[in-house]
């Protein structure tokens, strides 16, 4: 699980992948969004929109607004697929209005309610889910949808593949985007036995968000959020197992964790913008790969904080560019700093 408390809420992901004009998806030098905006040059930047509570965010933050020219798509966490294939949730009008006014593609995240895999187990409930998702997308005029079903048992592999194939067949003719967010696997063999068929999912999606963050999280001992070597390894596994580089949005973190021990569920997530408010945050040490961390003691309890910042993230952005990935997927809006956005702007 990743993204700390938000995982417990089923929070999730994202969307960005632009339909090419003329010769099909990803053909040609310039891609075009469903809204008609030309997006030439640089990598795409998908921004997830979520909350640290169960209440959806109602508006886009000022820092994201200030950098709207960099944002290719926004993926608010709004919807859930229930066990019977029904869809619950709804959009926030303030974010819808902002996206429309700023010509930013809106492709909300939809997760599996309560981490259920039940709707994937039969053709009838898969068809119900596909129909309901398509209705949500078309009724609201969204650019598409981001699928973030996790965690799924390996037994759901065939059902997940069939579901994504059917959803793509439904939405693709409508010029609607299908993105799938996937937790990266530790080896090709584990990928081949997981619920996520990399090759087949990539073939029936406009983009795949590879969630390359939470190398260490609220269920582990303290450590880096996403070391470059760790990201490279996960990215290499995905591509070796059949995920084309031009379908991949590389997950980028702008947060950290404040640990008081190992495997302590409930370890708080700390947005990058809140790091300076913590004691001793000025005494930062970096590991051999440039990842920042510091420690402090309060009321007799030692805290260890690791996080991603504007310096450590540069190597991951450069990796995405060097490997000609489709772009970046930023988790999440509301955590970043001006320096972090400048790092994206300068290196994408």
C-alpha atoms as a PDB file:
ATOM      1  CA  UNK A   1       0.000   0.000   0.000  1.00  0.00           C
ATOM      2  CA  UNK A   2       1.163   3.534  -0.646  1.00  0.00           C
ATOM      3  CA  UNK A   3       0.208   7.099   0.133  1.00  0.00           C
ATOM      4  CA  UNK A   4      -0.296   6.437   3.841  1.00  0.00           C
ATOM      5  CA  UNK A   5      -3.758   7.214   5.215  1.00  0.00           C
ATOM      6  CA  UNK A   6      -5.109   7.906   1.750  1.00  0.00           C
ATOM      7  CA  UNK A   7      -4.635   4.249   0.901  1.00  0.00           C
ATOM      8  CA  UNK A   8      -6.967   3.352   3.693  1.00  0.00           C
ATOM      9  CA  UNK A   9      -9.514   5.646   2.092  1.00  0.00           C
ATOM     10  CA  UNK A  10      -8.958   3.979  -1.270  1.00  0.00           C
ATOM     11  CA  UNK A  11      -7.464   7.174  -2.641  1.00  0.00           C
ATOM     12  CA  UNK A  12      -6.021   7.017  -6.019  1.00  0.00           C
ATOM     13  CA  UNK A  13      -5.038   8.307  -9.252  1.00  0.00           C
ATOM     14  CA  UNK A  14      -4.934   9.975 -12.310  1.00  0.00           C
ATOM     15  CA  UNK A  15      -5.078  10.822 -15.916  1.00  0.00           C
ATOM     16  CA  UNK A  16      -3.196  12.133 -18.867  1.00  0.00           C
ATOM     17  CA  UNK A  17      -2.631  10.758 -22.325  1.00  0.00           C
ATOM     18  CA  UNK A  18      -3.498  12.672 -25.378  1.00  0.00           C
ATOM     19  CA  UNK A  19      -5.092  11.342 -28.530  1.00  0.00           C
ATOM     20  CA  UNK A  20      -3.057  11.960 -31.641  1.00  0.00           C
ATOM     21  CA  UNK A  21      -4.627  13.604 -34.622  1.00  0.00           C
ATOM     22  CA  UNK A  22      -4.542  11.664 -37.835  1.00  0.00           C
ATOM     23  CA  UNK A  23      -2.646   8.400 -37.456  1.00  0.00           C
ATOM     24  CA  UNK A  24      -4.085   7.009 -34.238  1.00  0.00           C
ATOM     25  CA  UNK A  25      -2.949   7.004 -30.650  1.00  0.00           C
ATOM     26  CA  UNK A  26       0.572   8.267 -30.058  1.00  0.00           C
ATOM     27  CA  UNK A  27       1.180   8.729 -33.776  1.00  0.00           C
ATOM     28  CA  UNK A  28       2.681  11.947 -35.099  1.00  0.00           C
ATOM     29  CA  UNK A  29       4.773  14.608 -33.382  1.00  0.00           C
ATOM     30  CA  UNK A  30       1.993  16.521 -31.658  1.00  0.00           C
ATOM     31  CA  UNK A  31      -0.743  15.018 -29.513  1.00  0.00           C
ATOM     32  CA  UNK A  32      -4.138  16.551 -29.066  1.00  0.00           C
ATOM     33  CA  UNK A  33      -6.285  16.426 -25.967  1.00  0.00           C
ATOM     34  CA  UNK A  34      -9.955  15.499 -26.216  1.00  0.00           C
ATOM     35  CA  UNK A  35     -10.690  19.157 -25.468  1.00  0.00           C
ATOM     36  CA  UNK A  36      -8.704  20.145 -28.542  1.00  0.00           C
ATOM     37  CA  UNK A  37      -5.674  21.685 -26.842  1.00  0.00           C
ATOM     38  CA  UNK A  38      -2.373  20.974 -28.600  1.00  0.00           C
ATOM     39  CA  UNK A  39       0.270  19.675 -26.225  1.00  0.00           C
ATOM     40  CA  UNK A  40       3.542  19.687 -28.103  1.00  0.00           C
ATOM     41  CA  UNK A  41       6.985  19.572 -26.438  1.00  0.00           C
ATOM     42  CA  UNK A  42       7.937  18.329 -22.997  1.00  0.00           C
ATOM     43  CA  UNK A  43       6.483  15.443 -21.069  1.00  0.00           C
ATOM     44  CA  UNK A  44       2.900  15.296 -19.901  1.00  0.00           C
ATOM     45  CA  UNK A  45       2.280  16.126 -16.249  1.00  0.00           C
ATOM     46  CA  UNK A  46      -0.686  14.474 -14.573  1.00  0.00           C
ATOM     47  CA  UNK A  47      -1.662  15.829 -11.169  1.00  0.00           C
ATOM     48  CA  UNK A  48      -3.664  13.784  -8.689  1.00  0.00           C
ATOM     49  CA  UNK A  49      -6.192  15.649  -6.593  1.00  0.00           C
ATOM     50  CA  UNK A  50      -7.066  14.116  -3.234  1.00  0.00           C
ATOM     51  CA  UNK A  51      -7.565  14.887   0.427  1.00  0.00           C
ATOM     52  CA  UNK A  52      -6.136  13.754   3.743  1.00  0.00           C
ATOM     53  CA  UNK A  53      -9.711  13.215   4.925  1.00  0.00           C
ATOM     54  CA  UNK A  54     -12.744  11.444   3.514  1.00  0.00           C
ATOM     55  CA  UNK A  55     -14.097  14.749   2.177  1.00  0.00           C
ATOM     56  CA  UNK A  56     -13.229  15.464  -1.485  1.00  0.00           C
ATOM     57  CA  UNK A  57     -11.238  18.583  -2.269  1.00  0.00           C
ATOM     58  CA  UNK A  58     -13.602  21.241  -3.613  1.00  0.00           C
ATOM     59  CA  UNK A  59     -11.144  23.522  -5.421  1.00  0.00           C
ATOM     60  CA  UNK A  60      -7.718  23.527  -7.041  1.00  0.00           C
ATOM     61  CA  UNK A  61      -4.937  25.002  -4.916  1.00  0.00           C
ATOM     62  CA  UNK A  62      -3.185  28.277  -5.743  1.00  0.00           C
ATOM     63  CA  UNK A  63       0.185  26.677  -6.518  1.00  0.00           C
ATOM     64  CA  UNK A  64      -1.290  24.293  -9.062  1.00  0.00           C
ATOM     65  CA  UNK A  65      -3.251  27.187 -10.541  1.00  0.00           C
ATOM     66  CA  UNK A  66      -0.054  29.214 -10.822  1.00  0.00           C
ATOM     67  CA  UNK A  67       1.542  26.339 -12.759  1.00  0.00           C
ATOM     68  CA  UNK A  68      -1.505  25.434 -14.844  1.00  0.00           C
ATOM     69  CA  UNK A  69       0.478  25.739 -18.076  1.00  0.00           C
ATOM     70  CA  UNK A  70       2.449  22.647 -16.999  1.00  0.00           C
ATOM     71  CA  UNK A  71      -0.603  20.569 -16.095  1.00  0.00           C
ATOM     72  CA  UNK A  72      -1.743  18.247 -18.901  1.00  0.00           C
ATOM     73  CA  UNK A  73      -4.454  16.569 -16.859  1.00  0.00           C
ATOM     74  CA  UNK A  74      -6.045  16.536 -13.437  1.00  0.00           C
ATOM     75  CA  UNK A  75      -7.191  13.317 -11.730  1.00  0.00           C
ATOM     76  CA  UNK A  76      -9.444  14.020  -8.753  1.00  0.00           C
ATOM     77  CA  UNK A  77     -10.320  11.129  -6.463  1.00  0.00           C
ATOM     78  CA  UNK A  78     -14.125  11.120  -6.805  1.00  0.00           C
ATOM     79  CA  UNK A  79     -15.549   7.700  -7.703  1.00  0.00           C
ATOM     80  CA  UNK A  80     -15.746   4.086  -6.501  1.00  0.00           C
ATOM     81  CA  UNK A  81     -16.814   0.818  -8.138  1.00  0.00           C
ATOM     82  CA  UNK A  82     -18.889  -1.258  -5.749  1.00  0.00           C
ATOM     83  CA  UNK A  83     -18.932  -5.064  -5.541  1.00  0.00           C
ATOM     84  CA  UNK A  84     -22.008  -5.273  -7.816  1.00  0.00           C
ATOM     85  CA  UNK A  85     -20.497  -3.023 -10.513  1.00  0.00           C
ATOM     86  CA  UNK A  86     -22.400   0.111  -9.528  1.00  0.00           C
ATOM     87  CA  UNK A  87     -20.518   3.399  -9.275  1.00  0.00           C
ATOM     88  CA  UNK A  88     -20.756   5.801  -6.356  1.00  0.00           C
ATOM     89  CA  UNK A  89     -19.344   9.270  -5.792  1.00  0.00           C
ATOM     90  CA  UNK A  90     -19.595  12.530  -7.663  1.00  0.00           C
ATOM     91  CA  UNK A  91     -17.615  15.500  -9.000  1.00  0.00           C
ATOM     92  CA  UNK A  92     -16.805  18.751  -7.235  1.00  0.00           C
ATOM     93  CA  UNK A  93     -18.167  21.663  -9.340  1.00  0.00           C
ATOM     94  CA  UNK A  94     -15.303  23.986  -8.395  1.00  0.00           C
ATOM     95  CA  UNK A  95     -12.691  21.661  -9.873  1.00  0.00           C
ATOM     96  CA  UNK A  96     -14.816  20.962 -12.961  1.00  0.00           C
ATOM     97  CA  UNK A  97     -15.125  24.696 -13.606  1.00  0.00           C
ATOM     98  CA  UNK A  98     -11.393  25.266 -13.096  1.00  0.00           C
ATOM     99  CA  UNK A  99     -10.419  22.497 -15.512  1.00  0.00           C
ATOM    100  CA  UNK A 100     -12.820  23.761 -18.169  1.00  0.00           C
ATOM    101  CA  UNK A 101     -11.690  27.381 -17.811  1.00  0.00           C
ATOM    102  CA  UNK A 102      -8.018  26.414 -18.017  1.00  0.00           C
ATOM    103  CA  UNK A 103      -8.343  23.767 -20.758  1.00  0.00           C
ATOM    104  CA  UNK A 104      -6.971  21.015 -18.528  1.00  0.00           C
ATOM    105  CA  UNK A 105      -8.166  17.486 -19.279  1.00  0.00           C
ATOM    106  CA  UNK A 106     -10.207  16.081 -16.408  1.00  0.00           C
ATOM    107  CA  UNK A 107     -10.008  12.293 -15.940  1.00  0.00           C
ATOM    108  CA  UNK A 108     -11.070  11.393 -12.419  1.00  0.00           C
ATOM    109  CA  UNK A 109      -9.712   8.496 -10.469  1.00  0.00           C
ATOM    110  CA  UNK A 110     -12.045   5.605  -9.698  1.00  0.00           C
ATOM    111  CA  UNK A 111     -11.081   2.950  -7.165  1.00  0.00           C
ATOM    112  CA  UNK A 112     -12.516  -0.361  -6.019  1.00  0.00           C
ATOM    113  CA  UNK A 113     -14.713   0.411  -3.014  1.00  0.00           C
ATOM    114  CA  UNK A 114     -13.487  -1.302   0.122  1.00  0.00           C
ATOM    115  CA  UNK A 115     -10.722  -2.922  -1.968  1.00  0.00           C
ATOM    116  CA  UNK A 116     -13.291  -5.312  -3.468  1.00  0.00           C
ATOM    117  CA  UNK A 117     -12.462  -7.500  -6.459  1.00  0.00           C
ATOM    118  CA  UNK A 118     -15.934  -9.061  -6.591  1.00  0.00           C
ATOM    119  CA  UNK A 119     -17.120  -7.163  -9.679  1.00  0.00           C
ATOM    120  CA  UNK A 120     -14.155  -8.484 -11.677  1.00  0.00           C
ATOM    121  CA  UNK A 121     -15.098 -12.105 -11.117  1.00  0.00           C
ATOM    122  CA  UNK A 122     -17.977 -12.423 -13.591  1.00  0.00           C
ATOM    123  CA  UNK A 123     -18.701 -11.170 -17.101  1.00  0.00           C
ATOM    124  CA  UNK A 124     -22.044  -9.692 -16.017  1.00  0.00           C
ATOM    125  CA  UNK A 125     -20.673  -7.531 -13.186  1.00  0.00           C
ATOM    126  CA  UNK A 126     -17.714  -6.461 -15.338  1.00  0.00           C
ATOM    127  CA  UNK A 127     -20.174  -5.366 -18.037  1.00  0.00           C
ATOM    128  CA  UNK A 128     -22.221  -3.488 -15.440  1.00  0.00           C
ATOM    129  CA  UNK A 129     -19.123  -1.678 -14.179  1.00  0.00           C
ATOM    130  CA  UNK A 130     -18.000  -0.776 -17.712  1.00  0.00           C
ATOM    131  CA  UNK A 131     -21.445   0.591 -18.597  1.00  0.00           C
ATOM    132  CA  UNK A 132     -21.668   2.638 -15.408  1.00  0.00           C
ATOM    133  CA  UNK A 133     -18.175   4.082 -15.769  1.00  0.00           C
ATOM    134  CA  UNK A 134     -18.836   5.035 -19.394  1.00  0.00           C
ATOM    135  CA  UNK A 135     -22.046   6.738 -18.285  1.00  0.00           C
ATOM    136  CA  UNK A 136     -20.195   8.758 -15.637  1.00  0.00           C
ATOM    137  CA  UNK A 137     -17.567   9.862 -18.170  1.00  0.00           C
ATOM    138  CA  UNK A 138     -20.012  10.867 -20.913  1.00  0.00           C
ATOM    139  CA  UNK A 139     -22.647  12.400 -18.629  1.00  0.00           C
ATOM    140  CA  UNK A 140     -20.083  14.723 -17.052  1.00  0.00           C
ATOM    141  CA  UNK A 141     -18.105  15.440 -20.200  1.00  0.00           C
ATOM    142  CA  UNK A 142     -14.865  14.121 -18.699  1.00  0.00           C
ATOM    143  CA  UNK A 143     -11.815  13.558 -20.884  1.00  0.00           C
ATOM    144  CA  UNK A 144     -11.654  10.021 -19.543  1.00  0.00           C
ATOM    145  CA  UNK A 145     -11.133   7.966 -16.421  1.00  0.00           C
ATOM    146  CA  UNK A 146      -8.247   6.653 -14.330  1.00  0.00           C
ATOM    147  CA  UNK A 147      -8.602   3.116 -13.002  1.00  0.00           C
ATOM    148  CA  UNK A 148      -6.908   2.481  -9.667  1.00  0.00           C
ATOM    149  CA  UNK A 149      -7.971  -0.900  -8.323  1.00  0.00           C
ATOM    150  CA  UNK A 150      -5.800  -2.043  -5.416  1.00  0.00           C
ATOM    151  CA  UNK A 151      -4.854  -4.243  -3.875  1.00  0.00           C
ATOM    152  CA  UNK A 152      -6.166  -7.056  -6.041  1.00  0.00           C
ATOM    153  CA  UNK A 153      -5.487 -10.757  -5.489  1.00  0.00           C
ATOM    154  CA  UNK A 154      -3.568 -12.605  -8.193  1.00  0.00           C
ATOM    155  CA  UNK A 155      -6.763 -14.580  -8.847  1.00  0.00           C
ATOM    156  CA  UNK A 156      -8.260 -11.382 -10.326  1.00  0.00           C
ATOM    157  CA  UNK A 157      -5.695 -11.260 -13.162  1.00  0.00           C
ATOM    158  CA  UNK A 158      -7.975 -12.615 -15.905  1.00  0.00           C
ATOM    159  CA  UNK A 159     -10.935 -10.547 -14.715  1.00  0.00           C
ATOM    160  CA  UNK A 160      -8.867  -7.356 -14.518  1.00  0.00           C
ATOM    161  CA  UNK A 161      -7.516  -7.876 -18.036  1.00  0.00           C
ATOM    162  CA  UNK A 162     -10.998  -8.573 -19.400  1.00  0.00           C
ATOM    163  CA  UNK A 163     -12.391  -5.513 -17.638  1.00  0.00           C
ATOM    164  CA  UNK A 164      -9.747  -3.118 -18.984  1.00  0.00           C
ATOM    165  CA  UNK A 165     -10.110  -4.584 -22.482  1.00  0.00           C
ATOM    166  CA  UNK A 166     -13.879  -4.047 -22.390  1.00  0.00           C
ATOM    167  CA  UNK A 167     -13.627  -0.551 -20.930  1.00  0.00           C
ATOM    168  CA  UNK A 168     -11.145   0.517 -23.599  1.00  0.00           C
ATOM    169  CA  UNK A 169     -13.342  -0.920 -26.332  1.00  0.00           C
ATOM    170  CA  UNK A 170     -16.231   1.152 -24.945  1.00  0.00           C
ATOM    171  CA  UNK A 171     -14.446   4.471 -24.393  1.00  0.00           C
ATOM    172  CA  UNK A 172     -11.802   4.545 -27.116  1.00  0.00           C
ATOM    173  CA  UNK A 173     -14.269   5.065 -30.010  1.00  0.00           C
ATOM    174  CA  UNK A 174     -15.657   8.028 -28.057  1.00  0.00           C
ATOM    175  CA  UNK A 175     -12.154   9.573 -27.857  1.00  0.00           C
ATOM    176  CA  UNK A 176     -12.197   9.147 -24.093  1.00  0.00           C
ATOM    177  CA  UNK A 177      -9.052   8.265 -22.188  1.00  0.00           C
ATOM    178  CA  UNK A 178      -8.451   5.103 -20.226  1.00  0.00           C
ATOM    179  CA  UNK A 179      -5.586   5.212 -17.749  1.00  0.00           C
ATOM    180  CA  UNK A 180      -4.624   2.510 -15.310  1.00  0.00           C
ATOM    181  CA  UNK A 181      -2.594   3.062 -12.132  1.00  0.00           C
ATOM    182  CA  UNK A 182      -0.409   0.144 -11.081  1.00  0.00           C
ATOM    183  CA  UNK A 183       1.823  -0.554  -8.091  1.00  0.00           C
ATOM    184  CA  UNK A 184       5.193  -1.600  -9.576  1.00  0.00           C
ATOM    185  CA  UNK A 185       6.292  -5.182  -9.083  1.00  0.00           C
ATOM    186  CA  UNK A 186       9.647  -6.328  -7.707  1.00  0.00           C
ATOM    187  CA  UNK A 187      10.460  -8.782 -10.515  1.00  0.00           C
ATOM    188  CA  UNK A 188       9.196  -9.986 -13.881  1.00  0.00           C
ATOM    189  CA  UNK A 189       8.062 -13.242 -12.296  1.00  0.00           C
ATOM    190  CA  UNK A 190       6.009 -11.420  -9.665  1.00  0.00           C
ATOM    191  CA  UNK A 191       4.532  -9.203 -12.382  1.00  0.00           C
ATOM    192  CA  UNK A 192       3.579 -12.280 -14.380  1.00  0.00           C
ATOM    193  CA  UNK A 193       1.697 -13.735 -11.425  1.00  0.00           C
ATOM    194  CA  UNK A 194       0.066 -10.532 -10.178  1.00  0.00           C
ATOM    195  CA  UNK A 195      -3.414  -9.209 -10.916  1.00  0.00           C
ATOM    196  CA  UNK A 196      -1.965  -6.739 -13.400  1.00  0.00           C
ATOM    197  CA  UNK A 197      -1.017  -8.086 -16.814  1.00  0.00           C
ATOM    198  CA  UNK A 198       1.423  -5.350 -17.833  1.00  0.00           C
ATOM    199  CA  UNK A 199       1.441  -6.133 -21.529  1.00  0.00           C
ATOM    200  CA  UNK A 200      -2.315  -6.555 -21.957  1.00  0.00           C
ATOM    201  CA  UNK A 201      -3.244  -3.599 -19.778  1.00  0.00           C
ATOM    202  CA  UNK A 202      -0.839  -1.309 -21.650  1.00  0.00           C
ATOM    203  CA  UNK A 203      -2.296  -2.522 -24.951  1.00  0.00           C
ATOM    204  CA  UNK A 204      -5.785  -1.482 -23.840  1.00  0.00           C
ATOM    205  CA  UNK A 205      -4.980   1.817 -22.122  1.00  0.00           C
ATOM    206  CA  UNK A 206      -3.859   5.237 -23.252  1.00  0.00           C
ATOM    207  CA  UNK A 207      -1.448   5.462 -20.328  1.00  0.00           C
ATOM    208  CA  UNK A 208      -0.301   3.495 -17.307  1.00  0.00           C
ATOM    209  CA  UNK A 209       0.654   5.318 -14.128  1.00  0.00           C
ATOM    210  CA  UNK A 210       3.545   3.376 -12.619  1.00  0.00           C
ATOM    211  CA  UNK A 211       3.320   4.302  -8.950  1.00  0.00           C
ATOM    212  CA  UNK A 212       7.037   4.569  -8.270  1.00  0.00           C
ATOM    213  CA  UNK A 213       6.795   5.961  -4.767  1.00  0.00           C
ATOM    214  CA  UNK A 214       6.513   4.554  -1.268  1.00  0.00           C
ATOM    215  CA  UNK A 215       9.639   2.447  -1.386  1.00  0.00           C
ATOM    216  CA  UNK A 216       9.188   2.935   2.355  1.00  0.00           C
ATOM    217  CA  UNK A 217       5.790   3.878   3.799  1.00  0.00           C
ATOM    218  CA  UNK A 218       3.615   3.782   6.901  1.00  0.00           C
ATOM    219  CA  UNK A 219       3.874   0.006   6.982  1.00  0.00           C
ATOM    220  CA  UNK A 220       7.665  -0.199   6.868  1.00  0.00           C
ATOM    221  CA  UNK A 221      10.716   0.979   8.753  1.00  0.00           C
ATOM    222  CA  UNK A 222      11.952   4.501   7.906  1.00  0.00           C
ATOM    223  CA  UNK A 223      13.729   4.936   4.594  1.00  0.00           C
ATOM    224  CA  UNK A 224      13.740   6.757   1.245  1.00  0.00           C
ATOM    225  CA  UNK A 225      10.430   7.433  -0.468  1.00  0.00           C
ATOM    226  CA  UNK A 226      11.784   6.604  -3.926  1.00  0.00           C
ATOM    227  CA  UNK A 227      15.519   6.146  -4.449  1.00  0.00           C
ATOM    228  CA  UNK A 228      16.616   6.523  -8.064  1.00  0.00           C
ATOM    229  CA  UNK A 229      18.036   2.982  -8.148  1.00  0.00           C
ATOM    230  CA  UNK A 230      14.719   1.606  -6.848  1.00  0.00           C
ATOM    231  CA  UNK A 231      12.723   3.587  -9.421  1.00  0.00           C
ATOM    232  CA  UNK A 232      15.032   2.449 -12.233  1.00  0.00           C
ATOM    233  CA  UNK A 233      14.623  -1.173 -11.220  1.00  0.00           C
ATOM    234  CA  UNK A 234      10.799  -1.014 -11.129  1.00  0.00           C
ATOM    235  CA  UNK A 235      10.639   0.882 -14.401  1.00  0.00           C
ATOM    236  CA  UNK A 236      12.968  -1.636 -16.041  1.00  0.00           C
ATOM    237  CA  UNK A 237      10.804  -4.547 -14.871  1.00  0.00           C
ATOM    238  CA  UNK A 238       7.666  -2.930 -16.293  1.00  0.00           C
ATOM    239  CA  UNK A 239       9.227  -2.304 -19.691  1.00  0.00           C
ATOM    240  CA  UNK A 240      10.835  -5.755 -19.833  1.00  0.00           C
ATOM    241  CA  UNK A 241       7.437  -7.283 -19.131  1.00  0.00           C
ATOM    242  CA  UNK A 242       5.820  -5.546 -22.077  1.00  0.00           C
ATOM    243  CA  UNK A 243       4.869  -2.024 -21.000  1.00  0.00           C
ATOM    244  CA  UNK A 244       5.902   0.423 -23.769  1.00  0.00           C
ATOM    245  CA  UNK A 245       7.821   3.493 -22.599  1.00  0.00           C
ATOM    246  CA  UNK A 246       5.445   5.850 -24.387  1.00  0.00           C
ATOM    247  CA  UNK A 247       2.522   4.524 -22.342  1.00  0.00           C
ATOM    248  CA  UNK A 248       4.170   5.109 -18.951  1.00  0.00           C
ATOM    249  CA  UNK A 249       3.536   8.028 -16.604  1.00  0.00           C
ATOM    250  CA  UNK A 250       6.217   7.840 -13.906  1.00  0.00           C
ATOM    251  CA  UNK A 251       4.888   8.356 -10.394  1.00  0.00           C
ATOM    252  CA  UNK A 252       6.504  11.323  -8.635  1.00  0.00           C
ATOM    253  CA  UNK A 253       6.109  12.009  -4.907  1.00  0.00           C
ATOM    254  CA  UNK A 254       6.051  15.418  -3.203  1.00  0.00           C
ATOM    255  CA  UNK A 255       5.708  14.224   0.380  1.00  0.00           C
ATOM    256  CA  UNK A 256       7.341  12.157   3.126  1.00  0.00           C
ATOM    257  CA  UNK A 257       6.577  10.234   6.316  1.00  0.00           C
ATOM    258  CA  UNK A 258       7.193  11.074   9.958  1.00  0.00           C
ATOM    259  CA  UNK A 259       8.056   7.707  11.562  1.00  0.00           C
ATOM    260  CA  UNK A 260       8.254   6.878  15.245  1.00  0.00           C
ATOM    261  CA  UNK A 261       9.128   3.235  14.650  1.00  0.00           C
ATOM    262  CA  UNK A 262       8.886   0.408  12.141  1.00  0.00           C
ATOM    263  CA  UNK A 263       5.726  -0.827  10.451  1.00  0.00           C
ATOM    264  CA  UNK A 264       3.619   1.643  12.387  1.00  0.00           C
ATOM    265  CA  UNK A 265       0.345   1.910  10.492  1.00  0.00           C
ATOM    266  CA  UNK A 266      -0.916   5.408  11.011  1.00  0.00           C
ATOM    267  CA  UNK A 267       2.504   6.963  10.483  1.00  0.00           C
ATOM    268  CA  UNK A 268       1.529  10.419   9.214  1.00  0.00           C
ATOM    269  CA  UNK A 269       2.161  11.614   5.699  1.00  0.00           C
ATOM    270  CA  UNK A 270       3.840  15.017   5.575  1.00  0.00           C
ATOM    271  CA  UNK A 271       3.482  17.166   2.464  1.00  0.00           C
ATOM    272  CA  UNK A 272       6.699  18.729   1.236  1.00  0.00           C
ATOM    273  CA  UNK A 273       5.256  22.144   2.004  1.00  0.00           C
ATOM    274  CA  UNK A 274       4.839  21.136   5.673  1.00  0.00           C
ATOM    275  CA  UNK A 275       8.341  19.750   6.186  1.00  0.00           C
ATOM    276  CA  UNK A 276       9.734  23.148   7.358  1.00  0.00           C
ATOM    277  CA  UNK A 277       7.216  23.162  10.235  1.00  0.00           C
ATOM    278  CA  UNK A 278       8.789  20.053  11.813  1.00  0.00           C
ATOM    279  CA  UNK A 279      11.480  20.351  14.508  1.00  0.00           C
ATOM    280  CA  UNK A 280      15.071  20.113  13.278  1.00  0.00           C
ATOM    281  CA  UNK A 281      14.010  20.205   9.624  1.00  0.00           C
ATOM    282  CA  UNK A 282      16.943  22.481   8.906  1.00  0.00           C
ATOM    283  CA  UNK A 283      19.423  19.709   9.765  1.00  0.00           C
ATOM    284  CA  UNK A 284      18.981  17.579   6.671  1.00  0.00           C
ATOM    285  CA  UNK A 285      21.224  14.669   5.698  1.00  0.00           C
ATOM    286  CA  UNK A 286      21.138  13.102   2.233  1.00  0.00           C
ATOM    287  CA  UNK A 287      21.839   9.473   1.448  1.00  0.00           C
ATOM    288  CA  UNK A 288      24.166   8.322  -1.332  1.00  0.00           C
ATOM    289  CA  UNK A 289      21.429   8.938  -3.919  1.00  0.00           C
ATOM    290  CA  UNK A 290      20.470  12.383  -2.681  1.00  0.00           C
ATOM    291  CA  UNK A 291      17.331  11.529  -0.709  1.00  0.00           C
ATOM    292  CA  UNK A 292      16.775  13.875   2.270  1.00  0.00           C
ATOM    293  CA  UNK A 293      16.060  12.867   5.858  1.00  0.00           C
ATOM    294  CA  UNK A 294      16.369  14.186   9.402  1.00  0.00           C
ATOM    295  CA  UNK A 295      15.357  13.224  12.914  1.00  0.00           C
ATOM    296  CA  UNK A 296      14.023  14.955  15.997  1.00  0.00           C
ATOM    297  CA  UNK A 297      12.839  14.077  19.477  1.00  0.00           C
ATOM    298  CA  UNK A 298       9.670  15.324  21.138  1.00  0.00           C
ATOM    299  CA  UNK A 299       8.207  14.244  24.486  1.00  0.00           C
ATOM    300  CA  UNK A 300      10.887  11.586  24.684  1.00  0.00           C
ATOM    301  CA  UNK A 301       9.926   9.995  21.348  1.00  0.00           C
ATOM    302  CA  UNK A 302      12.349   9.921  18.449  1.00  0.00           C
ATOM    303  CA  UNK A 303      10.999  10.767  15.003  1.00  0.00           C
ATOM    304  CA  UNK A 304      12.660   9.981  11.686  1.00  0.00           C
ATOM    305  CA  UNK A 305      11.499  11.841   8.578  1.00  0.00           C
ATOM    306  CA  UNK A 306      12.299  10.893   4.986  1.00  0.00           C
ATOM    307  CA  UNK A 307      10.779  12.790   2.072  1.00  0.00           C
ATOM    308  CA  UNK A 308      11.114  13.766  -1.581  1.00  0.00           C
ATOM    309  CA  UNK A 309      12.082  17.341  -2.381  1.00  0.00           C
ATOM    310  CA  UNK A 310      12.936  19.651  -5.263  1.00  0.00           C
ATOM    311  CA  UNK A 311      16.523  18.373  -5.321  1.00  0.00           C
ATOM    312  CA  UNK A 312      15.959  14.620  -5.044  1.00  0.00           C
ATOM    313  CA  UNK A 313      13.151  14.575  -7.611  1.00  0.00           C
ATOM    314  CA  UNK A 314      15.307  15.924 -10.443  1.00  0.00           C
ATOM    315  CA  UNK A 315      17.016  12.587 -11.105  1.00  0.00           C
ATOM    316  CA  UNK A 316      13.629  10.863 -11.502  1.00  0.00           C
ATOM    317  CA  UNK A 317      12.356  13.527 -13.891  1.00  0.00           C
ATOM    318  CA  UNK A 318      15.552  13.211 -15.956  1.00  0.00           C
ATOM    319  CA  UNK A 319      15.134   9.422 -15.976  1.00  0.00           C
ATOM    320  CA  UNK A 320      11.619   9.761 -17.397  1.00  0.00           C
ATOM    321  CA  UNK A 321      12.879  12.125 -20.063  1.00  0.00           C
ATOM    322  CA  UNK A 322      15.884   9.964 -20.978  1.00  0.00           C
ATOM    323  CA  UNK A 323      13.699   6.866 -21.319  1.00  0.00           C
ATOM    324  CA  UNK A 324      11.175   8.789 -23.434  1.00  0.00           C
ATOM    325  CA  UNK A 325       8.284   8.079 -21.129  1.00  0.00           C
ATOM    326  CA  UNK A 326       4.924   9.682 -21.821  1.00  0.00           C
ATOM    327  CA  UNK A 327       5.273  11.816 -18.728  1.00  0.00           C
ATOM    328  CA  UNK A 328       4.965  12.222 -14.983  1.00  0.00           C
ATOM    329  CA  UNK A 329       2.165  11.592 -12.498  1.00  0.00           C
ATOM    330  CA  UNK A 330       2.423  13.809  -9.429  1.00  0.00           C
ATOM    331  CA  UNK A 331       1.038  12.585  -6.102  1.00  0.00           C
ATOM    332  CA  UNK A 332      -0.390  14.962  -5.097  1.00  0.00           C
ATOM    333  CA  UNK A 333      -1.860  18.467  -5.465  1.00  0.00           C
ATOM    334  CA  UNK A 334      -1.563  20.486  -2.262  1.00  0.00           C
ATOM    335  CA  UNK A 335       1.769  19.018  -1.120  1.00  0.00           C
ATOM    336  CA  UNK A 336       4.228  20.685  -3.475  1.00  0.00           C
ATOM    337  CA  UNK A 337       6.283  23.872  -3.116  1.00  0.00           C
ATOM    338  CA  UNK A 338       7.257  26.540  -5.662  1.00  0.00           C
ATOM    339  CA  UNK A 339      10.749  24.999  -5.823  1.00  0.00           C
ATOM    340  CA  UNK A 340       9.275  21.576  -6.573  1.00  0.00           C
ATOM    341  CA  UNK A 341       7.212  22.940  -9.458  1.00  0.00           C
ATOM    342  CA  UNK A 342      10.277  24.797 -10.732  1.00  0.00           C
ATOM    343  CA  UNK A 343      12.172  21.494 -10.750  1.00  0.00           C
ATOM    344  CA  UNK A 344       9.460  19.979 -12.945  1.00  0.00           C
ATOM    345  CA  UNK A 345       9.377  23.000 -15.236  1.00  0.00           C
ATOM    346  CA  UNK A 346      13.156  23.101 -15.652  1.00  0.00           C
ATOM    347  CA  UNK A 347      13.694  19.400 -16.282  1.00  0.00           C
ATOM    348  CA  UNK A 348      10.676  18.040 -18.158  1.00  0.00           C
END
